[in-house]
Amino acid sequence: MINLDDEFEYNNEEEAEVAQIVSLQLHLKGLNAIQDKLNEQRMNESLYECCECGEEIPEARRQAIKGVTTCVNCQELNERRI
């Protein structure tokens, strides 16, 4: 005789595992996209002025973050919007 409760529980566990795997794959895909963007950014030269507000980007920031295009204030605003 088949116990439907056991089979149902097994399917829920299996579905939960599949959902976890899919979630991890999506997170990994997102991380890879961010890494690709950062690698591409590093290939570009840092700007001397912020592309959003026109303020000067300090030398220390331009050296620390290769390919930087925004000042600290604009970067913080952009990150809060996300």
PDB file of N, CA and C in Angstrom:
ATOM      1  N   MET A   1       0.843  -1.180   0.000  1.00  0.00           N
ATOM      2  CA  MET A   1       0.000   0.000   0.000  1.00  0.00           C
ATOM      3  C   MET A   1       0.889   1.245   0.000  1.00  0.00           C
ATOM      4  N   ILE A   2       0.552   2.210  -0.811  1.00  0.00           N
ATOM      5  CA  ILE A   2       1.327   3.447  -0.935  1.00  0.00           C
ATOM      6  C   ILE A   2       0.821   4.461   0.080  1.00  0.00           C
ATOM      7  N   ASN A   3       1.746   5.023   0.807  1.00  0.00           N
ATOM      8  CA  ASN A   3       1.413   6.071   1.756  1.00  0.00           C
ATOM      9  C   ASN A   3       1.555   7.404   1.025  1.00  0.00           C
ATOM     10  N   LEU A   4       0.457   8.063   0.714  1.00  0.00           N
ATOM     11  CA  LEU A   4       0.483   9.309  -0.046  1.00  0.00           C
ATOM     12  C   LEU A   4       1.166  10.442   0.710  1.00  0.00           C
ATOM     13  N   ASP A   5       1.101  10.408   2.038  1.00  0.00           N
ATOM     14  CA  ASP A   5       1.748  11.454   2.829  1.00  0.00           C
ATOM     15  C   ASP A   5       3.258  11.445   2.618  1.00  0.00           C
ATOM     16  N   ASP A   6       3.863  10.252   2.593  1.00  0.00           N
ATOM     17  CA  ASP A   6       5.312  10.150   2.374  1.00  0.00           C
ATOM     18  C   ASP A   6       5.685  10.653   0.989  1.00  0.00           C
ATOM     19  N   GLU A   7       4.931  10.251  -0.004  1.00  0.00           N
ATOM     20  CA  GLU A   7       5.218  10.664  -1.385  1.00  0.00           C
ATOM     21  C   GLU A   7       5.051  12.172  -1.536  1.00  0.00           C
ATOM     22  N   PHE A   8       4.009  12.714  -0.948  1.00  0.00           N
ATOM     23  CA  PHE A   8       3.763  14.157  -1.026  1.00  0.00           C
ATOM     24  C   PHE A   8       4.883  14.919  -0.339  1.00  0.00           C
ATOM     25  N   GLU A   9       5.314  14.452   0.822  1.00  0.00           N
ATOM     26  CA  GLU A   9       6.399  15.113   1.551  1.00  0.00           C
ATOM     27  C   GLU A   9       7.683  15.065   0.730  1.00  0.00           C
ATOM     28  N   TYR A  10       7.965  13.951   0.122  1.00  0.00           N
ATOM     29  CA  TYR A  10       9.167  13.804  -0.697  1.00  0.00           C
ATOM     30  C   TYR A  10       9.145  14.793  -1.851  1.00  0.00           C
ATOM     31  N   ASN A  11       8.004  14.930  -2.500  1.00  0.00           N
ATOM     32  CA  ASN A  11       7.907  15.858  -3.617  1.00  0.00           C
ATOM     33  C   ASN A  11       8.123  17.295  -3.159  1.00  0.00           C
ATOM     34  N   ASN A  12       7.600  17.648  -1.988  1.00  0.00           N
ATOM     35  CA  ASN A  12       7.819  19.002  -1.473  1.00  0.00           C
ATOM     36  C   ASN A  12       9.294  19.251  -1.194  1.00  0.00           C
ATOM     37  N   GLU A  13       9.972  18.259  -0.617  1.00  0.00           N
ATOM     38  CA  GLU A  13      11.401  18.402  -0.354  1.00  0.00           C
ATOM     39  C   GLU A  13      12.163  18.550  -1.660  1.00  0.00           C
ATOM     40  N   GLU A  14      11.814  17.748  -2.634  1.00  0.00           N
ATOM     41  CA  GLU A  14      12.483  17.800  -3.933  1.00  0.00           C
ATOM     42  C   GLU A  14      12.233  19.156  -4.601  1.00  0.00           C
ATOM     43  N   GLU A  15      11.007  19.644  -4.538  1.00  0.00           N
ATOM     44  CA  GLU A  15      10.678  20.945  -5.119  1.00  0.00           C
ATOM     45  C   GLU A  15      11.433  22.061  -4.405  1.00  0.00           C
ATOM     46  N   ALA A  16      11.578  21.951  -3.098  1.00  0.00           N
ATOM     47  CA  ALA A  16      12.322  22.951  -2.329  1.00  0.00           C
ATOM     48  C   ALA A  16      13.791  22.951  -2.730  1.00  0.00           C
ATOM     49  N   GLU A  17      14.348  21.775  -2.931  1.00  0.00           N
ATOM     50  CA  GLU A  17      15.746  21.678  -3.368  1.00  0.00           C
ATOM     51  C   GLU A  17      15.926  22.271  -4.756  1.00  0.00           C
ATOM     52  N   VAL A  18      15.012  21.986  -5.650  1.00  0.00           N
ATOM     53  CA  VAL A  18      15.084  22.538  -7.004  1.00  0.00           C
ATOM     54  C   VAL A  18      14.960  24.061  -6.958  1.00  0.00           C
ATOM     55  N   ALA A  19      14.062  24.564  -6.114  1.00  0.00           N
ATOM     56  CA  ALA A  19      13.897  26.014  -5.975  1.00  0.00           C
ATOM     57  C   ALA A  19      15.177  26.649  -5.443  1.00  0.00           C
ATOM     58  N   GLN A  20      15.836  25.993  -4.500  1.00  0.00           N
ATOM     59  CA  GLN A  20      17.103  26.508  -3.966  1.00  0.00           C
ATOM     60  C   GLN A  20      18.170  26.541  -5.048  1.00  0.00           C
ATOM     61  N   ILE A  21      18.248  25.495  -5.843  1.00  0.00           N
ATOM     62  CA  ILE A  21      19.235  25.427  -6.926  1.00  0.00           C
ATOM     63  C   ILE A  21      18.985  26.530  -7.936  1.00  0.00           C
ATOM     64  N   VAL A  22      17.736  26.726  -8.314  1.00  0.00           N
ATOM     65  CA  VAL A  22      17.389  27.778  -9.271  1.00  0.00           C
ATOM     66  C   VAL A  22      17.739  29.149  -8.696  1.00  0.00           C
ATOM     67  N   SER A  23      17.442  29.359  -7.423  1.00  0.00           N
ATOM     68  CA  SER A  23      17.764  30.625  -6.767  1.00  0.00           C
ATOM     69  C   SER A  23      19.270  30.870  -6.767  1.00  0.00           C
ATOM     70  N   LEU A  24      20.042  29.859  -6.436  1.00  0.00           N
ATOM     71  CA  LEU A  24      21.502  29.987  -6.443  1.00  0.00           C
ATOM     72  C   LEU A  24      22.024  30.277  -7.843  1.00  0.00           C
ATOM     73  N   GLN A  25      21.447  29.633  -8.847  1.00  0.00           N
ATOM     74  CA  GLN A  25      21.871  29.883 -10.226  1.00  0.00           C
ATOM     75  C   GLN A  25      21.578  31.318 -10.643  1.00  0.00           C
ATOM     76  N   LEU A  26      20.425  31.846 -10.244  1.00  0.00           N
ATOM     77  CA  LEU A  26      20.086  33.227 -10.565  1.00  0.00           C
ATOM     78  C   LEU A  26      21.028  34.200  -9.865  1.00  0.00           C
ATOM     79  N   HIS A  27      21.351  33.927  -8.606  1.00  0.00           N
ATOM     80  CA  HIS A  27      22.288  34.784  -7.869  1.00  0.00           C
ATOM     81  C   HIS A  27      23.664  34.742  -8.523  1.00  0.00           C
ATOM     82  N   LEU A  28      24.102  33.553  -8.901  1.00  0.00           N
ATOM     83  CA  LEU A  28      25.398  33.403  -9.553  1.00  0.00           C
ATOM     84  C   LEU A  28      25.429  34.148 -10.882  1.00  0.00           C
ATOM     85  N   LYS A  29      24.341  34.066 -11.626  1.00  0.00           N
ATOM     86  CA  LYS A  29      24.256  34.787 -12.897  1.00  0.00           C
ATOM     87  C   LYS A  29      24.362  36.298 -12.663  1.00  0.00           C
ATOM     88  N   GLY A  30      23.690  36.786 -11.617  1.00  0.00           N
ATOM     89  CA  GLY A  30      23.760  38.201 -11.274  1.00  0.00           C
ATOM     90  C   GLY A  30      25.165  38.617 -10.860  1.00  0.00           C
ATOM     91  N   LEU A  31      25.815  37.785 -10.054  1.00  0.00           N
ATOM     92  CA  LEU A  31      27.183  38.079  -9.633  1.00  0.00           C
ATOM     93  C   LEU A  31      28.135  38.092 -10.823  1.00  0.00           C
ATOM     94  N   ASN A  32      27.956  37.161 -11.741  1.00  0.00           N
ATOM     95  CA  ASN A  32      28.793  37.133 -12.938  1.00  0.00           C
ATOM     96  C   ASN A  32      28.595  38.380 -13.785  1.00  0.00           C
ATOM     97  N   ALA A  33      27.362  38.853 -13.875  1.00  0.00           N
ATOM     98  CA  ALA A  33      27.087  40.073 -14.643  1.00  0.00           C
ATOM     99  C   ALA A  33      27.767  41.276 -13.997  1.00  0.00           C
ATOM    100  N   ILE A  34      27.724  41.345 -12.670  1.00  0.00           N
ATOM    101  CA  ILE A  34      28.388  42.439 -11.952  1.00  0.00           C
ATOM    102  C   ILE A  34      29.894  42.358 -12.155  1.00  0.00           C
ATOM    103  N   GLN A  35      30.437  41.161 -12.060  1.00  0.00           N
ATOM    104  CA  GLN A  35      31.872  40.984 -12.254  1.00  0.00           C
ATOM    105  C   GLN A  35      32.291  41.378 -13.670  1.00  0.00           C
ATOM    106  N   ASP A  36      31.500  41.011 -14.656  1.00  0.00           N
ATOM    107  CA  ASP A  36      31.788  41.392 -16.043  1.00  0.00           C
ATOM    108  C   ASP A  36      31.772  42.908 -16.205  1.00  0.00           C
ATOM    109  N   LYS A  37      30.798  43.555 -15.578  1.00  0.00           N
ATOM    110  CA  LYS A  37      30.693  45.016 -15.657  1.00  0.00           C
ATOM    111  C   LYS A  37      31.903  45.679 -15.002  1.00  0.00           C
ATOM    112  N   LEU A  38      32.319  45.160 -13.850  1.00  0.00           N
ATOM    113  CA  LEU A  38      33.486  45.711 -13.170  1.00  0.00           C
ATOM    114  C   LEU A  38      34.758  45.501 -13.988  1.00  0.00           C
ATOM    115  N   ASN A  39      34.902  44.340 -14.587  1.00  0.00           N
ATOM    116  CA  ASN A  39      36.072  44.080 -15.434  1.00  0.00           C
ATOM    117  C   ASN A  39      36.101  45.020 -16.633  1.00  0.00           C
ATOM    118  N   GLU A  40      34.934  45.255 -17.218  1.00  0.00           N
ATOM    119  CA  GLU A  40      34.845  46.175 -18.342  1.00  0.00           C
ATOM    120  C   GLU A  40      35.182  47.600 -17.899  1.00  0.00           C
ATOM    121  N   GLN A  41      34.699  47.973 -16.737  1.00  0.00           N
ATOM    122  CA  GLN A  41      34.961  49.311 -16.194  1.00  0.00           C
ATOM    123  C   GLN A  41      36.451  49.522 -15.982  1.00  0.00           C
ATOM    124  N   ARG A  42      37.144  48.505 -15.488  1.00  0.00           N
ATOM    125  CA  ARG A  42      38.577  48.621 -15.200  1.00  0.00           C
ATOM    126  C   ARG A  42      39.394  48.864 -16.463  1.00  0.00           C
ATOM    127  N   MET A  43      38.836  48.501 -17.596  1.00  0.00           N
ATOM    128  CA  MET A  43      39.540  48.695 -18.867  1.00  0.00           C
ATOM    129  C   MET A  43      39.480  50.157 -19.315  1.00  0.00           C
ATOM    130  N   ASN A  44      38.525  50.912 -18.782  1.00  0.00           N
ATOM    131  CA  ASN A  44      38.350  52.314 -19.149  1.00  0.00           C
ATOM    132  C   ASN A  44      39.153  53.213 -18.220  1.00  0.00           C
ATOM    133  N   GLU A  45      39.469  54.386 -18.693  1.00  0.00           N
ATOM    134  CA  GLU A  45      40.188  55.360 -17.880  1.00  0.00           C
ATOM    135  C   GLU A  45      39.207  56.070 -16.961  1.00  0.00           C
ATOM    136  N   SER A  46      39.646  56.355 -15.741  1.00  0.00           N
ATOM    137  CA  SER A  46      38.814  57.089 -14.792  1.00  0.00           C
ATOM    138  C   SER A  46      38.606  58.520 -15.276  1.00  0.00           C
ATOM    139  N   LEU A  47      37.420  59.046 -15.002  1.00  0.00           N
ATOM    140  CA  LEU A  47      37.130  60.428 -15.364  1.00  0.00           C
ATOM    141  C   LEU A  47      37.663  61.378 -14.296  1.00  0.00           C
ATOM    142  N   TYR A  48      37.955  62.598 -14.702  1.00  0.00           N
ATOM    143  CA  TYR A  48      38.401  63.623 -13.756  1.00  0.00           C
ATOM    144  C   TYR A  48      37.218  64.352 -13.134  1.00  0.00           C
ATOM    145  N   GLU A  49      36.096  64.357 -13.857  1.00  0.00           N
ATOM    146  CA  GLU A  49      34.880  65.000 -13.363  1.00  0.00           C
ATOM    147  C   GLU A  49      33.739  63.995 -13.392  1.00  0.00           C
ATOM    148  N   CYS A  50      32.856  64.107 -12.417  1.00  0.00           N
ATOM    149  CA  CYS A  50      31.696  63.223 -12.313  1.00  0.00           C
ATOM    150  C   CYS A  50      30.804  63.394 -13.543  1.00  0.00           C
ATOM    151  N   CYS A  51      30.406  62.297 -14.140  1.00  0.00           N
ATOM    152  CA  CYS A  51      29.566  62.350 -15.330  1.00  0.00           C
ATOM    153  C   CYS A  51      28.136  62.779 -15.017  1.00  0.00           C
ATOM    154  N   GLU A  52      27.781  62.806 -13.726  1.00  0.00           N
ATOM    155  CA  GLU A  52      26.415  63.174 -13.358  1.00  0.00           C
ATOM    156  C   GLU A  52      26.286  64.606 -12.847  1.00  0.00           C
ATOM    157  N   CYS A  53      27.227  65.037 -12.002  1.00  0.00           N
ATOM    158  CA  CYS A  53      27.097  66.375 -11.412  1.00  0.00           C
ATOM    159  C   CYS A  53      28.192  67.338 -11.853  1.00  0.00           C
ATOM    160  N   GLY A  54      29.254  66.819 -12.463  1.00  0.00           N
ATOM    161  CA  GLY A  54      30.335  67.664 -12.945  1.00  0.00           C
ATOM    162  C   GLY A  54      31.384  68.018 -11.909  1.00  0.00           C
ATOM    163  N   GLU A  55      31.209  67.550 -10.665  1.00  0.00           N
ATOM    164  CA  GLU A  55      32.202  67.815  -9.621  1.00  0.00           C
ATOM    165  C   GLU A  55      33.476  67.016  -9.893  1.00  0.00           C
ATOM    166  N   GLU A  56      34.587  67.536  -9.405  1.00  0.00           N
ATOM    167  CA  GLU A  56      35.872  66.856  -9.574  1.00  0.00           C
ATOM    168  C   GLU A  56      35.882  65.548  -8.785  1.00  0.00           C
ATOM    169  N   ILE A  57      36.424  64.506  -9.399  1.00  0.00           N
ATOM    170  CA  ILE A  57      36.605  63.225  -8.718  1.00  0.00           C
ATOM    171  C   ILE A  57      38.020  63.226  -8.148  1.00  0.00           C
ATOM    172  N   PRO A  58      38.176  63.074  -6.825  1.00  0.00           N
ATOM    173  CA  PRO A  58      39.507  63.114  -6.216  1.00  0.00           C
ATOM    174  C   PRO A  58      40.451  62.063  -6.796  1.00  0.00           C
ATOM    175  N   GLU A  59      41.718  62.427  -6.862  1.00  0.00           N
ATOM    176  CA  GLU A  59      42.753  61.528  -7.398  1.00  0.00           C
ATOM    177  C   GLU A  59      42.754  60.177  -6.678  1.00  0.00           C
ATOM    178  N   ALA A  60      42.617  60.203  -5.357  1.00  0.00           N
ATOM    179  CA  ALA A  60      42.627  58.946  -4.595  1.00  0.00           C
ATOM    180  C   ALA A  60      41.498  58.018  -5.054  1.00  0.00           C
ATOM    181  N   ARG A  61      40.326  58.564  -5.319  1.00  0.00           N
ATOM    182  CA  ARG A  61      39.194  57.746  -5.792  1.00  0.00           C
ATOM    183  C   ARG A  61      39.472  57.212  -7.195  1.00  0.00           C
ATOM    184  N   ARG A  62      40.038  58.061  -8.051  1.00  0.00           N
ATOM    185  CA  ARG A  62      40.332  57.620  -9.419  1.00  0.00           C
ATOM    186  C   ARG A  62      41.373  56.513  -9.445  1.00  0.00           C
ATOM    187  N   GLN A  63      42.308  56.551  -8.507  1.00  0.00           N
ATOM    188  CA  GLN A  63      43.325  55.501  -8.430  1.00  0.00           C
ATOM    189  C   GLN A  63      42.778  54.221  -7.791  1.00  0.00           C
ATOM    190  N   ALA A  64      41.933  54.391  -6.785  1.00  0.00           N
ATOM    191  CA  ALA A  64      41.397  53.236  -6.053  1.00  0.00           C
ATOM    192  C   ALA A  64      40.398  52.438  -6.875  1.00  0.00           C
ATOM    193  N   ILE A  65      39.607  53.146  -7.698  1.00  0.00           N
ATOM    194  CA  ILE A  65      38.572  52.483  -8.491  1.00  0.00           C
ATOM    195  C   ILE A  65      38.828  52.797  -9.957  1.00  0.00           C
ATOM    196  N   LYS A  66      39.483  51.891 -10.623  1.00  0.00           N
ATOM    197  CA  LYS A  66      39.810  52.099 -12.036  1.00  0.00           C
ATOM    198  C   LYS A  66      38.535  52.214 -12.855  1.00  0.00           C
ATOM    199  N   GLY A  67      38.495  53.215 -13.722  1.00  0.00           N
ATOM    200  CA  GLY A  67      37.332  53.415 -14.582  1.00  0.00           C
ATOM    201  C   GLY A  67      36.179  54.123 -13.911  1.00  0.00           C
ATOM    202  N   VAL A  68      36.418  54.747 -12.755  1.00  0.00           N
ATOM    203  CA  VAL A  68      35.347  55.415 -12.023  1.00  0.00           C
ATOM    204  C   VAL A  68      34.812  56.591 -12.851  1.00  0.00           C
ATOM    205  N   THR A  69      33.484  56.782 -12.806  1.00  0.00           N
ATOM    206  CA  THR A  69      32.861  57.858 -13.586  1.00  0.00           C
ATOM    207  C   THR A  69      32.025  58.798 -12.731  1.00  0.00           C
ATOM    208  N   THR A  70      31.842  58.467 -11.458  1.00  0.00           N
ATOM    209  CA  THR A  70      31.003  59.295 -10.590  1.00  0.00           C
ATOM    210  C   THR A  70      31.742  59.643  -9.302  1.00  0.00           C
ATOM    211  N   CYS A  71      31.351  60.771  -8.713  1.00  0.00           N
ATOM    212  CA  CYS A  71      31.882  61.165  -7.403  1.00  0.00           C
ATOM    213  C   CYS A  71      31.206  60.294  -6.340  1.00  0.00           C
ATOM    214  N   VAL A  72      31.698  60.395  -5.122  1.00  0.00           N
ATOM    215  CA  VAL A  72      31.161  59.577  -4.027  1.00  0.00           C
ATOM    216  C   VAL A  72      29.675  59.873  -3.800  1.00  0.00           C
ATOM    217  N   ASN A  73      29.314  61.157  -3.794  1.00  0.00           N
ATOM    218  CA  ASN A  73      27.916  61.517  -3.534  1.00  0.00           C
ATOM    219  C   ASN A  73      26.975  60.932  -4.579  1.00  0.00           C
ATOM    220  N   CYS A  74      27.308  61.085  -5.847  1.00  0.00           N
ATOM    221  CA  CYS A  74      26.444  60.550  -6.911  1.00  0.00           C
ATOM    222  C   CYS A  74      26.398  59.021  -6.864  1.00  0.00           C
ATOM    223  N   GLN A  75      27.524  58.388  -6.559  1.00  0.00           N
ATOM    224  CA  GLN A  75      27.544  56.928  -6.455  1.00  0.00           C
ATOM    225  C   GLN A  75      26.626  56.457  -5.339  1.00  0.00           C
ATOM    226  N   GLU A  76      26.662  57.146  -4.196  1.00  0.00           N
ATOM    227  CA  GLU A  76      25.777  56.781  -3.089  1.00  0.00           C
ATOM    228  C   GLU A  76      24.312  56.941  -3.487  1.00  0.00           C
ATOM    229  N   LEU A  77      23.992  58.024  -4.183  1.00  0.00           N
ATOM    230  CA  LEU A  77      22.613  58.221  -4.638  1.00  0.00           C
ATOM    231  C   LEU A  77      22.187  57.110  -5.590  1.00  0.00           C
ATOM    232  N   ASN A  78      23.075  56.729  -6.506  1.00  0.00           N
ATOM    233  CA  ASN A  78      22.764  55.660  -7.448  1.00  0.00           C
ATOM    234  C   ASN A  78      22.530  54.325  -6.733  1.00  0.00           C
ATOM    235  N   GLU A  79      23.319  54.055  -5.728  1.00  0.00           N
ATOM    236  CA  GLU A  79      23.178  52.790  -5.003  1.00  0.00           C
ATOM    237  C   GLU A  79      21.908  52.756  -4.170  1.00  0.00           C
ATOM    238  N   ARG A  80      21.459  53.891  -3.688  1.00  0.00           N
ATOM    239  CA  ARG A  80      20.210  53.935  -2.920  1.00  0.00           C
ATOM    240  C   ARG A  80      19.004  53.701  -3.806  1.00  0.00           C
ATOM    241  N   ARG A  81      19.105  54.070  -5.066  1.00  0.00           N
ATOM    242  CA  ARG A  81      17.984  53.887  -6.006  1.00  0.00           C
ATOM    243  C   ARG A  81      17.765  52.431  -6.353  1.00  0.00           C
ATOM    244  N   ILE A  82      18.794  51.636  -6.244  1.00  0.00           N
ATOM    245  CA  ILE A  82      18.725  50.225  -6.649  1.00  0.00           C
ATOM    246  C   ILE A  82      17.951  49.421  -5.679  1.00  0.00           C
TER     247      ILE A  82
END
